[in-house]
Amino acid sequence: MPSSKVETTVIGVAVLSGLVACVLAAAGFSDPPIGFSPQNDYVGPFVVAIFVLWFYAAYWAFDIRRALSAPLFRNQALGMGLVAIGWLGFNAFNSFPQSEVGIVVFEETGAVLVAIVLTLYWIDASILAAQHTDPLQRNTLRWREVRWILWPFFAFVTALTLLVSFVPSLVGLQPVWNGAAGIGAIGIIVAVLAAAFARSVMRSKDRTIKMHLRWFGLSLAGWLGILTIFPIVATSLGISSLNATTASQALAYTAFAYCVYRSAKSLAPLEQVQRLTT
């Protein structure tokens, strides 16, 4: 494993780079807000931040997984590593101009879809691992049965979203699917996952699992909170909505990546316990 002092220094530099990217974006050194093209002055610090944080998150997850023997915990660590790789890939695609990437559809839809699927896999594995550490072994919200319904439902929603977005004969259904129907379907998935996730965390008595899940929950909450609240606060301070949106993205993904890194590293006690007991 890398030296703890070196790692701490590198992580500190990465977080600082993310904050610098946020400041540069808010000051107007960015155009357009999502393109993340090299000519934007804020992109350099942003790329340093997310690539370092995602790399370390994946490294810790896969390194700890090698030392684990219980399948549930190995799947959880694997999911954590895949989450880091998935979102690293998403940020990587969005760090290049669309004209150079050449596949706009995949860049905007495919990359984020892969990241979301990997995140759902980790959530599924984490709920099962948390239930395993429940002293009463309770099947929270009957998750072991519900998951076999939720995954096909998610696949159906994803397929339908892609069809109405890219099949010419179905484009006319976009207003319907992007409205109450689509929001309702996604809301069902999110509500079931959130309820099972939160309840499993509360019932688990394993401190390592609880810390791991809390860090990841914080990453999602922080990411959504920053993307929602930061632009409002920034525009109230006189920052243009364009720059506020870009700055919120830089800050949100930096915070998201850092919390995922801490979540992955929090699994280390599981590794130590298994090494002591083998």
Protein backbone atom coordinates (compact mmCIF):
# COMPACT_ATOMS: atom_id res chain seq x y z
CA MET A 1 0.00 0.00 0.00
CA PRO A 2 1.22 3.58 -0.57
CA SER A 3 2.75 5.58 2.25
CA SER A 4 0.01 7.14 4.37
CA LYS A 5 1.82 10.49 4.37
CA VAL A 6 2.18 10.47 0.60
CA GLU A 7 -1.44 9.45 0.18
CA THR A 8 -2.66 12.15 2.56
CA THR A 9 -0.65 14.77 0.68
CA VAL A 10 -1.88 13.65 -2.71
CA ILE A 11 -5.50 13.54 -1.56
CA GLY A 12 -5.13 17.01 -0.03
CA VAL A 13 -3.76 18.37 -3.29
CA ALA A 14 -6.60 16.72 -5.22
CA VAL A 15 -9.28 18.24 -2.98
CA LEU A 16 -7.58 21.65 -3.20
CA SER A 17 -7.49 21.31 -6.99
CA GLY A 18 -11.22 20.67 -6.99
CA LEU A 19 -11.83 23.80 -4.94
CA VAL A 20 -9.59 25.81 -7.29
CA ALA A 21 -11.59 24.48 -10.24
CA CYS A 22 -14.80 25.60 -8.53
CA VAL A 23 -13.44 29.11 -7.95
CA LEU A 24 -12.15 29.42 -11.52
CA ALA A 25 -15.48 28.25 -12.92
CA ALA A 26 -17.41 30.69 -10.72
CA ALA A 27 -15.09 33.50 -11.85
CA GLY A 28 -16.00 32.83 -15.47
CA PHE A 29 -13.08 30.75 -16.70
CA SER A 30 -15.38 28.15 -18.25
CA ASP A 31 -17.39 27.75 -21.40
CA PRO A 32 -19.49 25.66 -21.95
CA PRO A 33 -20.67 24.36 -18.54
CA ILE A 34 -20.62 20.63 -19.30
CA GLY A 35 -18.10 20.32 -22.13
CA PHE A 36 -15.04 20.25 -19.84
CA SER A 37 -12.86 21.03 -22.86
CA PRO A 38 -9.10 21.63 -22.46
CA GLN A 39 -9.36 25.30 -23.43
CA ASN A 40 -11.28 25.97 -20.21
CA ASP A 41 -8.94 27.22 -17.51
CA TYR A 42 -10.74 25.38 -14.72
CA VAL A 43 -10.53 21.95 -16.38
CA GLY A 44 -6.90 21.22 -15.45
CA PRO A 45 -7.43 21.40 -11.66
CA PHE A 46 -10.76 19.59 -12.00
CA VAL A 47 -9.23 16.66 -13.88
CA VAL A 48 -6.43 16.37 -11.31
CA ALA A 49 -8.97 16.29 -8.49
CA ILE A 50 -11.38 13.68 -9.82
CA PHE A 51 -8.81 11.39 -11.40
CA VAL A 52 -6.70 11.17 -8.22
CA LEU A 53 -9.71 10.68 -5.93
CA TRP A 54 -11.40 8.07 -8.12
CA PHE A 55 -8.10 6.24 -8.58
CA TYR A 56 -7.47 5.98 -4.85
CA ALA A 57 -11.07 4.93 -4.20
CA ALA A 58 -10.79 2.09 -6.73
CA TYR A 59 -7.34 1.11 -5.43
CA TRP A 60 -8.51 0.75 -1.83
CA ALA A 61 -11.68 -1.13 -2.78
CA PHE A 62 -9.91 -3.72 -4.93
CA ASP A 63 -6.96 -4.06 -2.56
CA ILE A 64 -9.26 -4.73 0.40
CA ARG A 65 -11.37 -7.14 -1.66
CA ARG A 66 -8.35 -9.39 -2.23
CA ALA A 67 -8.01 -9.91 1.54
CA LEU A 68 -11.68 -10.70 2.13
CA SER A 69 -13.09 -14.22 2.02
CA ALA A 70 -16.82 -13.76 2.72
CA PRO A 71 -18.63 -13.50 -0.66
CA LEU A 72 -21.01 -10.77 0.54
CA PHE A 73 -18.17 -8.51 1.68
CA ARG A 74 -16.15 -9.27 -1.45
CA ASN A 75 -19.11 -8.26 -3.60
CA GLN A 76 -19.51 -5.08 -1.62
CA ALA A 77 -15.85 -4.14 -2.06
CA LEU A 78 -16.06 -5.05 -5.75
CA GLY A 79 -19.09 -2.80 -6.12
CA MET A 80 -17.25 0.07 -4.46
CA GLY A 81 -14.35 -0.30 -6.88
CA LEU A 82 -16.70 -0.48 -9.86
CA VAL A 83 -18.49 2.67 -8.69
CA ALA A 84 -15.15 4.53 -8.69
CA ILE A 85 -14.27 3.22 -12.16
CA GLY A 86 -17.74 3.98 -13.53
CA TRP A 87 -17.78 7.59 -12.40
CA LEU A 88 -14.14 8.03 -13.39
CA GLY A 89 -15.14 6.91 -16.88
CA PHE A 90 -18.06 9.33 -16.92
CA ASN A 91 -15.84 12.24 -15.88
CA ALA A 92 -13.17 11.15 -18.35
CA PHE A 93 -15.58 11.22 -21.29
CA ASN A 94 -16.76 14.66 -20.24
CA SER A 95 -13.20 15.96 -19.95
CA PHE A 96 -12.80 16.07 -23.73
CA PRO A 97 -14.58 18.19 -26.32
CA GLN A 98 -17.48 16.37 -27.92
CA SER A 99 -16.04 16.97 -31.37
CA GLU A 100 -12.91 15.01 -30.41
CA VAL A 101 -14.74 12.17 -28.69
CA GLY A 102 -16.97 11.79 -31.71
CA ILE A 103 -19.69 9.73 -30.01
CA VAL A 104 -21.99 12.27 -28.44
CA VAL A 105 -24.76 9.77 -27.63
CA PHE A 106 -22.45 7.47 -25.70
CA GLU A 107 -20.71 10.39 -24.01
CA GLU A 108 -23.91 11.91 -22.71
CA THR A 109 -26.01 8.80 -22.10
CA GLY A 110 -23.90 5.64 -22.19
CA ALA A 111 -21.21 6.76 -19.76
CA VAL A 112 -23.63 7.97 -17.10
CA LEU A 113 -25.83 4.89 -17.60
CA VAL A 114 -22.87 2.59 -16.94
CA ALA A 115 -21.98 4.58 -13.82
CA ILE A 116 -25.57 4.38 -12.53
CA VAL A 117 -25.79 0.62 -13.13
CA LEU A 118 -22.53 0.05 -11.24
CA THR A 119 -23.77 2.26 -8.41
CA LEU A 120 -26.99 0.24 -8.17
CA TYR A 121 -24.94 -2.97 -8.07
CA TRP A 122 -22.95 -1.59 -5.12
CA ILE A 123 -26.15 -0.53 -3.31
CA ASP A 124 -27.63 -3.99 -3.82
CA ALA A 125 -24.47 -5.68 -2.53
CA SER A 126 -24.25 -3.28 0.42
CA ILE A 127 -27.84 -3.92 1.51
CA LEU A 128 -27.19 -7.67 1.47
CA ALA A 129 -23.93 -7.21 3.43
CA ALA A 130 -25.65 -4.97 5.98
CA GLN A 131 -28.42 -7.54 6.47
CA HIS A 132 -25.77 -10.18 7.09
CA THR A 133 -24.39 -8.09 9.98
CA ASP A 134 -27.85 -7.68 11.52
CA PRO A 135 -27.82 -9.85 14.69
CA LEU A 136 -31.37 -10.97 13.90
CA GLN A 137 -30.61 -11.59 10.21
CA ARG A 138 -33.77 -9.69 9.24
CA ASN A 139 -34.77 -9.54 5.59
CA THR A 140 -35.27 -5.77 5.55
CA LEU A 141 -38.28 -4.80 3.42
CA ARG A 142 -38.03 -8.31 1.98
CA TRP A 143 -35.08 -7.09 -0.06
CA ARG A 144 -33.90 -10.61 -1.01
CA GLU A 145 -37.14 -11.02 -2.96
CA VAL A 146 -37.70 -7.41 -4.02
CA ARG A 147 -34.29 -7.16 -5.70
CA TRP A 148 -35.34 -9.80 -8.25
CA ILE A 149 -38.23 -7.53 -9.23
CA LEU A 150 -36.38 -4.21 -9.02
CA TRP A 151 -33.52 -5.14 -11.35
CA PRO A 152 -35.81 -6.18 -14.27
CA PHE A 153 -37.94 -3.09 -13.64
CA PHE A 154 -34.82 -0.90 -13.79
CA ALA A 155 -33.79 -2.62 -17.04
CA PHE A 156 -37.25 -1.94 -18.48
CA VAL A 157 -37.15 1.75 -17.47
CA THR A 158 -33.64 2.13 -18.92
CA ALA A 159 -34.56 0.44 -22.19
CA LEU A 160 -37.69 2.53 -22.57
CA THR A 161 -35.75 5.72 -21.85
CA LEU A 162 -33.21 4.88 -24.55
CA LEU A 163 -35.93 3.93 -27.05
CA VAL A 164 -37.95 7.14 -26.68
CA SER A 165 -34.73 9.17 -26.81
CA PHE A 166 -33.07 7.69 -29.89
CA VAL A 167 -35.64 5.75 -31.96
CA PRO A 168 -37.17 8.25 -34.42
CA SER A 169 -40.60 6.60 -34.45
CA LEU A 170 -40.84 6.85 -30.64
CA VAL A 171 -39.45 10.34 -30.13
CA GLY A 172 -43.01 11.64 -29.94
CA LEU A 173 -43.41 9.83 -26.62
CA GLN A 174 -40.67 11.89 -24.98
CA PRO A 175 -43.04 14.49 -23.46
CA VAL A 176 -45.04 11.71 -21.80
CA TRP A 177 -42.09 9.64 -20.59
CA ASN A 178 -40.07 12.67 -19.50
CA GLY A 179 -43.07 13.84 -17.50
CA ALA A 180 -45.08 12.06 -14.84
CA ALA A 181 -44.57 8.55 -16.25
CA GLY A 182 -40.77 8.61 -16.28
CA ILE A 183 -40.45 10.55 -13.05
CA GLY A 184 -42.84 8.16 -11.34
CA ALA A 185 -40.94 5.07 -12.51
CA ILE A 186 -37.59 6.48 -11.41
CA GLY A 187 -39.15 7.66 -8.16
CA ILE A 188 -40.27 4.11 -7.37
CA ILE A 189 -36.74 2.77 -7.89
CA VAL A 190 -35.13 5.51 -5.80
CA ALA A 191 -37.70 5.21 -3.00
CA VAL A 192 -37.31 1.43 -2.68
CA LEU A 193 -33.51 1.62 -2.75
CA ALA A 194 -33.38 4.49 -0.26
CA ALA A 195 -35.77 2.78 2.17
CA ALA A 196 -33.96 -0.57 2.06
CA PHE A 197 -30.56 1.11 2.26
CA ALA A 198 -31.41 3.34 5.23
CA ARG A 199 -33.20 0.59 7.16
CA SER A 200 -30.35 -1.87 6.61
CA VAL A 201 -27.80 0.65 7.86
CA MET A 202 -29.80 1.23 11.04
CA ARG A 203 -30.18 -2.50 11.74
CA SER A 204 -26.54 -3.39 11.11
CA LYS A 205 -24.37 -3.66 14.23
CA ASP A 206 -21.05 -3.74 12.39
CA ARG A 207 -19.27 -0.41 12.83
CA THR A 208 -17.20 -0.83 9.68
CA ILE A 209 -20.25 -1.49 7.52
CA LYS A 210 -22.15 1.41 9.07
CA MET A 211 -19.24 3.81 8.54
CA HIS A 212 -18.80 2.61 4.96
CA LEU A 213 -22.47 3.09 4.14
CA ARG A 214 -22.69 6.44 5.91
CA TRP A 215 -19.79 7.82 3.88
CA PHE A 216 -21.41 6.69 0.66
CA GLY A 217 -24.78 8.06 1.71
CA LEU A 218 -23.04 11.36 2.46
CA SER A 219 -21.44 11.30 -1.00
CA LEU A 220 -24.82 11.01 -2.72
CA ALA A 221 -26.49 13.56 -0.45
CA GLY A 222 -23.61 16.01 -0.87
CA TRP A 223 -23.55 15.57 -4.63
CA LEU A 224 -27.29 16.20 -5.02
CA GLY A 225 -27.27 18.98 -2.41
CA ILE A 226 -24.46 20.90 -4.04
CA LEU A 227 -25.94 20.59 -7.53
CA THR A 228 -29.27 21.85 -6.20
CA ILE A 229 -28.33 24.52 -3.65
CA PHE A 230 -24.98 25.91 -4.85
CA PRO A 231 -26.31 27.46 -8.10
CA ILE A 232 -29.06 29.23 -6.17
CA VAL A 233 -26.62 30.65 -3.63
CA ALA A 234 -24.08 31.58 -6.32
CA THR A 235 -26.59 33.43 -8.49
CA SER A 236 -27.82 35.33 -5.44
CA LEU A 237 -24.24 36.58 -5.02
CA GLY A 238 -24.18 37.96 -8.54
CA ILE A 239 -22.54 35.01 -10.33
CA SER A 240 -24.07 34.21 -13.71
CA SER A 241 -26.23 31.11 -13.89
CA LEU A 242 -23.86 29.59 -16.48
CA ASN A 243 -20.80 29.97 -14.24
CA ALA A 244 -22.77 28.91 -11.16
CA THR A 245 -23.83 25.67 -12.86
CA THR A 246 -20.27 24.88 -13.92
CA ALA A 247 -18.85 25.68 -10.48
CA SER A 248 -21.49 23.51 -8.80
CA GLN A 249 -20.54 20.59 -11.03
CA ALA A 250 -16.84 20.94 -10.23
CA LEU A 251 -17.53 21.15 -6.49
CA ALA A 252 -20.17 18.39 -6.50
CA TYR A 253 -18.01 15.83 -8.29
CA THR A 254 -14.99 16.66 -6.17
CA ALA A 255 -17.02 16.17 -2.98
CA PHE A 256 -18.64 13.03 -4.41
CA ALA A 257 -15.28 11.48 -5.34
CA TYR A 258 -13.74 12.35 -1.95
CA CYS A 259 -16.60 10.76 0.01
CA VAL A 260 -16.46 7.64 -2.17
CA TYR A 261 -12.70 7.47 -1.47
CA ARG A 262 -13.37 7.68 2.28
CA SER A 263 -16.13 5.09 1.94
CA ALA A 264 -13.79 2.67 0.16
CA LYS A 265 -10.99 3.22 2.67
CA SER A 266 -13.37 2.66 5.58
CA LEU A 267 -13.58 -1.01 4.55
CA ALA A 268 -9.99 -1.51 5.77
CA PRO A 269 -11.05 -2.83 9.24
CA LEU A 270 -12.83 -5.73 7.50
CA GLU A 271 -9.54 -6.62 5.85
CA GLN A 272 -7.64 -6.43 9.14
CA VAL A 273 -10.20 -8.57 11.00
CA GLN A 274 -10.13 -11.29 8.36
CA ARG A 275 -6.35 -11.35 8.29
CA LEU A 276 -6.25 -11.75 12.07
CA THR A 277 -8.77 -14.59 12.01
CA THR A 278 -7.09 -16.59 9.24
